[in-house]
């Protein structure tokens, strides 16, 4: 199986992956981690707003909306075909 690393913003709707790293620091990094976006967490992109911002993702039995400028700090490993 082919795996690649992407920024969370680059993932397509219905694409699934596992968080590798969160590079945000300070208050933003704490806020992102408090929302459950931590390494080894599986996420699925469930939708995007008409202008592509924000992005809705599903993790740990809940749906979360995240701005693209926050998603830029999160690296995800996805399975490619």
PDB file of N, CA and C in Angstrom:
ATOM      1  N   UNK A   1       0.836  -1.180   0.000  1.00  0.00           N
ATOM      2  CA  UNK A   1       0.000   0.000   0.000  1.00  0.00           C
ATOM      3  C   UNK A   1       0.888   1.253   0.000  1.00  0.00           C
ATOM      4  N   UNK A   2       0.533   2.221  -0.810  1.00  0.00           N
ATOM      5  CA  UNK A   2       1.309   3.438  -0.971  1.00  0.00           C
ATOM      6  C   UNK A   2       0.858   4.489   0.044  1.00  0.00           C
ATOM      7  N   UNK A   3       1.785   5.009   0.851  1.00  0.00           N
ATOM      8  CA  UNK A   3       1.446   6.022   1.859  1.00  0.00           C
ATOM      9  C   UNK A   3       2.172   7.315   1.528  1.00  0.00           C
ATOM     10  N   UNK A   4       1.493   8.420   1.777  1.00  0.00           N
ATOM     11  CA  UNK A   4       2.130   9.712   1.566  1.00  0.00           C
ATOM     12  C   UNK A   4       1.719  10.673   2.670  1.00  0.00           C
ATOM     13  N   UNK A   5       2.537  11.681   2.894  1.00  0.00           N
ATOM     14  CA  UNK A   5       2.251  12.687   3.912  1.00  0.00           C
ATOM     15  C   UNK A   5       1.773  13.962   3.241  1.00  0.00           C
ATOM     16  N   UNK A   6       0.697  14.499   3.775  1.00  0.00           N
ATOM     17  CA  UNK A   6       0.096  15.727   3.270  1.00  0.00           C
ATOM     18  C   UNK A   6      -0.202  16.668   4.424  1.00  0.00           C
ATOM     19  N   UNK A   7      -0.329  17.916   4.098  1.00  0.00           N
ATOM     20  CA  UNK A   7      -0.877  18.888   5.034  1.00  0.00           C
ATOM     21  C   UNK A   7      -2.385  18.608   5.090  1.00  0.00           C
ATOM     22  N   UNK A   8      -2.995  18.741   6.239  1.00  0.00           N
ATOM     23  CA  UNK A   8      -4.424  18.470   6.393  1.00  0.00           C
ATOM     24  C   UNK A   8      -5.248  19.262   5.381  1.00  0.00           C
ATOM     25  N   UNK A   9      -4.835  20.481   5.063  1.00  0.00           N
ATOM     26  CA  UNK A   9      -5.556  21.322   4.097  1.00  0.00           C
ATOM     27  C   UNK A   9      -5.617  20.668   2.712  1.00  0.00           C
ATOM     28  N   UNK A  10      -4.620  19.871   2.352  1.00  0.00           N
ATOM     29  CA  UNK A  10      -4.525  19.279   1.020  1.00  0.00           C
ATOM     30  C   UNK A  10      -5.358  18.016   0.844  1.00  0.00           C
ATOM     31  N   UNK A  11      -5.921  17.502   1.914  1.00  0.00           N
ATOM     32  CA  UNK A  11      -6.704  16.272   1.822  1.00  0.00           C
ATOM     33  C   UNK A  11      -8.030  16.520   1.100  1.00  0.00           C
ATOM     34  N   UNK A  12      -8.489  15.487   0.382  1.00  0.00           N
ATOM     35  CA  UNK A  12      -9.748  15.564  -0.349  1.00  0.00           C
ATOM     36  C   UNK A  12     -10.909  15.114   0.541  1.00  0.00           C
ATOM     37  N   UNK A  13     -12.118  15.521   0.177  1.00  0.00           N
ATOM     38  CA  UNK A  13     -13.318  15.084   0.895  1.00  0.00           C
ATOM     39  C   UNK A  13     -13.397  13.559   0.821  1.00  0.00           C
ATOM     40  N   UNK A  14     -13.729  12.949   1.926  1.00  0.00           N
ATOM     41  CA  UNK A  14     -13.819  11.490   2.119  1.00  0.00           C
ATOM     42  C   UNK A  14     -12.463  10.805   2.215  1.00  0.00           C
ATOM     43  N   UNK A  15     -11.381  11.566   2.193  1.00  0.00           N
ATOM     44  CA  UNK A  15     -10.059  10.967   2.355  1.00  0.00           C
ATOM     45  C   UNK A  15      -9.781  10.771   3.848  1.00  0.00           C
ATOM     46  N   UNK A  16      -9.117   9.671   4.157  1.00  0.00           N
ATOM     47  CA  UNK A  16      -8.842   9.319   5.546  1.00  0.00           C
ATOM     48  C   UNK A  16      -7.339   9.251   5.766  1.00  0.00           C
ATOM     49  N   UNK A  17      -6.902   9.651   6.951  1.00  0.00           N
ATOM     50  CA  UNK A  17      -5.490   9.584   7.274  1.00  0.00           C
ATOM     51  C   UNK A  17      -5.254   9.598   8.770  1.00  0.00           C
ATOM     52  N   UNK A  18      -3.984   9.496   9.139  1.00  0.00           N
ATOM     53  CA  UNK A  18      -3.587   9.498  10.540  1.00  0.00           C
ATOM     54  C   UNK A  18      -2.654  10.678  10.777  1.00  0.00           C
ATOM     55  N   UNK A  19      -2.921  11.447  11.810  1.00  0.00           N
ATOM     56  CA  UNK A  19      -2.100  12.619  12.121  1.00  0.00           C
ATOM     57  C   UNK A  19      -0.695  12.160  12.502  1.00  0.00           C
ATOM     58  N   UNK A  20       0.308  12.761  11.840  1.00  0.00           N
ATOM     59  CA  UNK A  20       1.718  12.472  12.126  1.00  0.00           C
ATOM     60  C   UNK A  20       2.292  13.493  13.096  1.00  0.00           C
ATOM     61  N   UNK A  21       1.987  14.768  12.851  1.00  0.00           N
ATOM     62  CA  UNK A  21       2.546  15.817  13.696  1.00  0.00           C
ATOM     63  C   UNK A  21       1.679  17.065  13.665  1.00  0.00           C
ATOM     64  N   UNK A  22       1.807  17.840  14.742  1.00  0.00           N
ATOM     65  CA  UNK A  22       1.172  19.152  14.853  1.00  0.00           C
ATOM     66  C   UNK A  22       2.304  20.127  15.132  1.00  0.00           C
ATOM     67  N   UNK A  23       2.575  21.012  14.181  1.00  0.00           N
ATOM     68  CA  UNK A  23       3.729  21.903  14.284  1.00  0.00           C
ATOM     69  C   UNK A  23       3.423  23.253  14.913  1.00  0.00           C
ATOM     70  N   UNK A  24       2.178  23.503  15.252  1.00  0.00           N
ATOM     71  CA  UNK A  24       1.810  24.774  15.882  1.00  0.00           C
ATOM     72  C   UNK A  24       2.366  24.823  17.300  1.00  0.00           C
ATOM     73  N   UNK A  25       2.749  26.019  17.717  1.00  0.00           N
ATOM     74  CA  UNK A  25       3.274  26.204  19.068  1.00  0.00           C
ATOM     75  C   UNK A  25       2.435  27.232  19.804  1.00  0.00           C
ATOM     76  N   UNK A  26       2.712  27.382  21.076  1.00  0.00           N
ATOM     77  CA  UNK A  26       2.041  28.397  21.880  1.00  0.00           C
ATOM     78  C   UNK A  26       0.556  28.141  22.023  1.00  0.00           C
ATOM     79  N   UNK A  27      -0.200  29.214  22.087  1.00  0.00           N
ATOM     80  CA  UNK A  27      -1.646  29.145  22.305  1.00  0.00           C
ATOM     81  C   UNK A  27      -2.355  28.369  21.197  1.00  0.00           C
ATOM     82  N   UNK A  28      -1.980  28.606  19.950  1.00  0.00           N
ATOM     83  CA  UNK A  28      -2.617  27.887  18.842  1.00  0.00           C
ATOM     84  C   UNK A  28      -2.341  26.389  18.930  1.00  0.00           C
ATOM     85  N   UNK A  29      -1.112  26.008  19.211  1.00  0.00           N
ATOM     86  CA  UNK A  29      -0.781  24.596  19.361  1.00  0.00           C
ATOM     87  C   UNK A  29      -1.562  23.940  20.483  1.00  0.00           C
ATOM     88  N   UNK A  30      -1.691  24.629  21.590  1.00  0.00           N
ATOM     89  CA  UNK A  30      -2.460  24.088  22.724  1.00  0.00           C
ATOM     90  C   UNK A  30      -3.928  23.921  22.336  1.00  0.00           C
ATOM     91  N   UNK A  31      -4.481  24.915  21.650  1.00  0.00           N
ATOM     92  CA  UNK A  31      -5.892  24.860  21.238  1.00  0.00           C
ATOM     93  C   UNK A  31      -6.142  23.697  20.274  1.00  0.00           C
ATOM     94  N   UNK A  32      -5.243  23.524  19.306  1.00  0.00           N
ATOM     95  CA  UNK A  32      -5.391  22.421  18.351  1.00  0.00           C
ATOM     96  C   UNK A  32      -5.334  21.078  19.068  1.00  0.00           C
ATOM     97  N   UNK A  33      -4.395  20.919  19.978  1.00  0.00           N
ATOM     98  CA  UNK A  33      -4.283  19.653  20.724  1.00  0.00           C
ATOM     99  C   UNK A  33      -5.481  19.442  21.648  1.00  0.00           C
ATOM    100  N   UNK A  34      -5.989  20.522  22.248  1.00  0.00           N
ATOM    101  CA  UNK A  34      -7.170  20.411  23.106  1.00  0.00           C
ATOM    102  C   UNK A  34      -8.399  19.927  22.337  1.00  0.00           C
ATOM    103  N   UNK A  35      -8.432  20.186  21.021  1.00  0.00           N
ATOM    104  CA  UNK A  35      -9.562  19.735  20.194  1.00  0.00           C
ATOM    105  C   UNK A  35      -9.428  18.253  19.829  1.00  0.00           C
ATOM    106  N   UNK A  36      -8.339  17.617  20.258  1.00  0.00           N
ATOM    107  CA  UNK A  36      -8.152  16.195  19.991  1.00  0.00           C
ATOM    108  C   UNK A  36      -7.292  15.896  18.784  1.00  0.00           C
ATOM    109  N   UNK A  37      -6.720  16.925  18.178  1.00  0.00           N
ATOM    110  CA  UNK A  37      -5.875  16.743  17.001  1.00  0.00           C
ATOM    111  C   UNK A  37      -4.440  16.506  17.447  1.00  0.00           C
ATOM    112  N   UNK A  38      -4.161  15.255  17.780  1.00  0.00           N
ATOM    113  CA  UNK A  38      -2.848  14.860  18.284  1.00  0.00           C
ATOM    114  C   UNK A  38      -2.325  13.705  17.421  1.00  0.00           C
ATOM    115  N   UNK A  39      -1.004  13.483  17.412  1.00  0.00           N
ATOM    116  CA  UNK A  39      -0.443  12.383  16.614  1.00  0.00           C
ATOM    117  C   UNK A  39      -1.115  11.041  16.905  1.00  0.00           C
ATOM    118  N   UNK A  40      -1.190  10.222  15.864  1.00  0.00           N
ATOM    119  CA  UNK A  40      -1.793   8.879  15.885  1.00  0.00           C
ATOM    120  C   UNK A  40      -3.314   8.883  15.938  1.00  0.00           C
ATOM    121  N   UNK A  41      -3.931  10.036  15.714  1.00  0.00           N
ATOM    122  CA  UNK A  41      -5.385  10.121  15.669  1.00  0.00           C
ATOM    123  C   UNK A  41      -5.835  10.000  14.215  1.00  0.00           C
ATOM    124  N   UNK A  42      -6.813   9.133  13.960  1.00  0.00           N
ATOM    125  CA  UNK A  42      -7.330   8.979  12.601  1.00  0.00           C
ATOM    126  C   UNK A  42      -8.368  10.061  12.328  1.00  0.00           C
ATOM    127  N   UNK A  43      -8.277  10.691  11.159  1.00  0.00           N
ATOM    128  CA  UNK A  43      -9.222  11.733  10.754  1.00  0.00           C
ATOM    129  C   UNK A  43      -9.739  11.435   9.353  1.00  0.00           C
ATOM    130  N   UNK A  44     -10.971  11.873   9.092  1.00  0.00           N
ATOM    131  CA  UNK A  44     -11.576  11.772   7.776  1.00  0.00           C
ATOM    132  C   UNK A  44     -12.146  13.133   7.413  1.00  0.00           C
ATOM    133  N   UNK A  45     -11.865  13.608   6.216  1.00  0.00           N
ATOM    134  CA  UNK A  45     -12.429  14.877   5.751  1.00  0.00           C
ATOM    135  C   UNK A  45     -13.862  14.600   5.327  1.00  0.00           C
ATOM    136  N   UNK A  46     -14.829  15.287   5.940  1.00  0.00           N
ATOM    137  CA  UNK A  46     -16.231  15.031   5.621  1.00  0.00           C
ATOM    138  C   UNK A  46     -16.860  16.138   4.785  1.00  0.00           C
ATOM    139  N   UNK A  47     -16.213  17.289   4.674  1.00  0.00           N
ATOM    140  CA  UNK A  47     -16.774  18.341   3.838  1.00  0.00           C
ATOM    141  C   UNK A  47     -15.962  19.613   3.901  1.00  0.00           C
ATOM    142  N   UNK A  48     -16.273  20.515   2.977  1.00  0.00           N
ATOM    143  CA  UNK A  48     -15.632  21.831   2.926  1.00  0.00           C
ATOM    144  C   UNK A  48     -16.686  22.873   2.624  1.00  0.00           C
ATOM    145  N   UNK A  49     -16.469  24.064   3.126  1.00  0.00           N
ATOM    146  CA  UNK A  49     -17.358  25.185   2.822  1.00  0.00           C
ATOM    147  C   UNK A  49     -17.201  25.539   1.337  1.00  0.00           C
ATOM    148  N   UNK A  50     -18.145  26.260   0.759  1.00  0.00           N
ATOM    149  CA  UNK A  50     -18.070  26.603  -0.671  1.00  0.00           C
ATOM    150  C   UNK A  50     -16.766  27.284  -1.086  1.00  0.00           C
ATOM    151  N   UNK A  51     -16.159  28.077  -0.235  1.00  0.00           N
ATOM    152  CA  UNK A  51     -14.899  28.736  -0.571  1.00  0.00           C
ATOM    153  C   UNK A  51     -13.696  27.966  -0.030  1.00  0.00           C
ATOM    154  N   UNK A  52     -13.908  26.670   0.302  1.00  0.00           N
ATOM    155  CA  UNK A  52     -12.864  25.741   0.780  1.00  0.00           C
ATOM    156  C   UNK A  52     -12.365  26.016   2.198  1.00  0.00           C
ATOM    157  N   UNK A  53     -12.967  26.949   2.896  1.00  0.00           N
ATOM    158  CA  UNK A  53     -12.541  27.276   4.262  1.00  0.00           C
ATOM    159  C   UNK A  53     -13.776  27.613   5.083  1.00  0.00           C
ATOM    160  N   UNK A  54     -14.076  26.919   6.152  1.00  0.00           N
ATOM    161  CA  UNK A  54     -13.282  25.903   6.841  1.00  0.00           C
ATOM    162  C   UNK A  54     -13.498  24.504   6.263  1.00  0.00           C
ATOM    163  N   UNK A  55     -12.779  23.570   6.866  1.00  0.00           N
ATOM    164  CA  UNK A  55     -12.881  22.160   6.506  1.00  0.00           C
ATOM    165  C   UNK A  55     -13.527  21.424   7.694  1.00  0.00           C
ATOM    166  N   UNK A  56     -14.419  20.478   7.391  1.00  0.00           N
ATOM    167  CA  UNK A  56     -15.054  19.669   8.437  1.00  0.00           C
ATOM    168  C   UNK A  56     -14.387  18.305   8.441  1.00  0.00           C
ATOM    169  N   UNK A  57     -13.986  17.863   9.619  1.00  0.00           N
ATOM    170  CA  UNK A  57     -13.356  16.559   9.724  1.00  0.00           C
ATOM    171  C   UNK A  57     -13.971  15.757  10.854  1.00  0.00           C
ATOM    172  N   UNK A  58     -13.875  14.455  10.691  1.00  0.00           N
ATOM    173  CA  UNK A  58     -14.450  13.529  11.664  1.00  0.00           C
ATOM    174  C   UNK A  58     -13.319  12.806  12.375  1.00  0.00           C
ATOM    175  N   UNK A  59     -13.356  12.819  13.696  1.00  0.00           N
ATOM    176  CA  UNK A  59     -12.387  12.098  14.499  1.00  0.00           C
ATOM    177  C   UNK A  59     -13.021  11.718  15.818  1.00  0.00           C
ATOM    178  N   UNK A  60     -12.647  10.577  16.340  1.00  0.00           N
ATOM    179  CA  UNK A  60     -13.103  10.124  17.669  1.00  0.00           C
ATOM    180  C   UNK A  60     -14.605  10.331  17.901  1.00  0.00           C
ATOM    181  N   UNK A  61     -15.422   9.951  16.949  1.00  0.00           N
ATOM    182  CA  UNK A  61     -16.892  10.006  17.085  1.00  0.00           C
ATOM    183  C   UNK A  61     -17.472  11.409  17.177  1.00  0.00           C
ATOM    184  N   UNK A  62     -16.771  12.423  16.686  1.00  0.00           N
ATOM    185  CA  UNK A  62     -17.373  13.752  16.581  1.00  0.00           C
ATOM    186  C   UNK A  62     -16.847  14.458  15.338  1.00  0.00           C
ATOM    187  N   UNK A  63     -17.586  15.476  14.913  1.00  0.00           N
ATOM    188  CA  UNK A  63     -17.196  16.259  13.745  1.00  0.00           C
ATOM    189  C   UNK A  63     -16.682  17.608  14.216  1.00  0.00           C
ATOM    190  N   UNK A  64     -15.602  18.053  13.614  1.00  0.00           N
ATOM    191  CA  UNK A  64     -14.923  19.280  14.012  1.00  0.00           C
ATOM    192  C   UNK A  64     -14.721  20.147  12.779  1.00  0.00           C
ATOM    193  N   UNK A  65     -14.907  21.435  12.926  1.00  0.00           N
ATOM    194  CA  UNK A  65     -14.647  22.380  11.844  1.00  0.00           C
ATOM    195  C   UNK A  65     -13.342  23.100  12.157  1.00  0.00           C
ATOM    196  N   UNK A  66     -12.463  23.190  11.146  1.00  0.00           N
ATOM    197  CA  UNK A  66     -11.136  23.751  11.353  1.00  0.00           C
ATOM    198  C   UNK A  66     -10.812  24.715  10.216  1.00  0.00           C
ATOM    199  N   UNK A  67     -10.286  25.875  10.557  1.00  0.00           N
ATOM    200  CA  UNK A  67      -9.874  26.831   9.531  1.00  0.00           C
ATOM    201  C   UNK A  67      -8.630  26.322   8.812  1.00  0.00           C
ATOM    202  N   UNK A  68      -8.482  26.711   7.552  1.00  0.00           N
ATOM    203  CA  UNK A  68      -7.325  26.275   6.777  1.00  0.00           C
ATOM    204  C   UNK A  68      -6.015  26.747   7.394  1.00  0.00           C
ATOM    205  N   UNK A  69      -5.997  27.953   7.963  1.00  0.00           N
ATOM    206  CA  UNK A  69      -4.743  28.429   8.559  1.00  0.00           C
ATOM    207  C   UNK A  69      -4.361  27.603   9.778  1.00  0.00           C
ATOM    208  N   UNK A  70      -5.305  26.931  10.414  1.00  0.00           N
ATOM    209  CA  UNK A  70      -5.001  26.001  11.506  1.00  0.00           C
ATOM    210  C   UNK A  70      -4.609  24.632  10.936  1.00  0.00           C
ATOM    211  N   UNK A  71      -5.291  24.219   9.876  1.00  0.00           N
ATOM    212  CA  UNK A  71      -5.018  22.922   9.245  1.00  0.00           C
ATOM    213  C   UNK A  71      -3.610  22.872   8.655  1.00  0.00           C
ATOM    214  N   UNK A  72      -3.051  24.021   8.301  1.00  0.00           N
ATOM    215  CA  UNK A  72      -1.705  24.072   7.721  1.00  0.00           C
ATOM    216  C   UNK A  72      -0.634  23.544   8.672  1.00  0.00           C
ATOM    217  N   UNK A  73      -0.890  23.532   9.965  1.00  0.00           N
ATOM    218  CA  UNK A  73       0.095  23.093  10.954  1.00  0.00           C
ATOM    219  C   UNK A  73       0.067  21.581  11.194  1.00  0.00           C
ATOM    220  N   UNK A  74      -0.895  20.879  10.564  1.00  0.00           N
ATOM    221  CA  UNK A  74      -1.100  19.458  10.853  1.00  0.00           C
ATOM    222  C   UNK A  74      -0.671  18.614   9.644  1.00  0.00           C
ATOM    223  N   UNK A  75       0.227  17.666   9.887  1.00  0.00           N
ATOM    224  CA  UNK A  75       0.694  16.753   8.844  1.00  0.00           C
ATOM    225  C   UNK A  75      -0.006  15.401   9.040  1.00  0.00           C
ATOM    226  N   UNK A  76      -0.531  14.860   7.947  1.00  0.00           N
ATOM    227  CA  UNK A  76      -1.299  13.629   8.004  1.00  0.00           C
ATOM    228  C   UNK A  76      -0.701  12.617   7.022  1.00  0.00           C
ATOM    229  N   UNK A  77      -0.654  11.349   7.432  1.00  0.00           N
ATOM    230  CA  UNK A  77      -0.241  10.278   6.536  1.00  0.00           C
ATOM    231  C   UNK A  77      -1.504   9.630   5.972  1.00  0.00           C
ATOM    232  N   UNK A  78      -1.608   9.599   4.644  1.00  0.00           N
ATOM    233  CA  UNK A  78      -2.794   9.054   3.990  1.00  0.00           C
ATOM    234  C   UNK A  78      -2.405   7.849   3.151  1.00  0.00           C
ATOM    235  N   UNK A  79      -3.367   6.981   2.895  1.00  0.00           N
ATOM    236  CA  UNK A  79      -3.159   5.840   2.026  1.00  0.00           C
ATOM    237  C   UNK A  79      -3.516   6.245   0.609  1.00  0.00           C
ATOM    238  N   UNK A  80      -2.629   6.003  -0.326  1.00  0.00           N
ATOM    239  CA  UNK A  80      -2.894   6.295  -1.724  1.00  0.00           C
ATOM    240  C   UNK A  80      -3.094   5.012  -2.497  1.00  0.00           C
ATOM    241  N   UNK A  81      -3.839   5.098  -3.589  1.00  0.00           N
ATOM    242  CA  UNK A  81      -4.086   3.903  -4.402  1.00  0.00           C
ATOM    243  C   UNK A  81      -3.120   3.820  -5.550  1.00  0.00           C
TER     244      UNK A  81
END
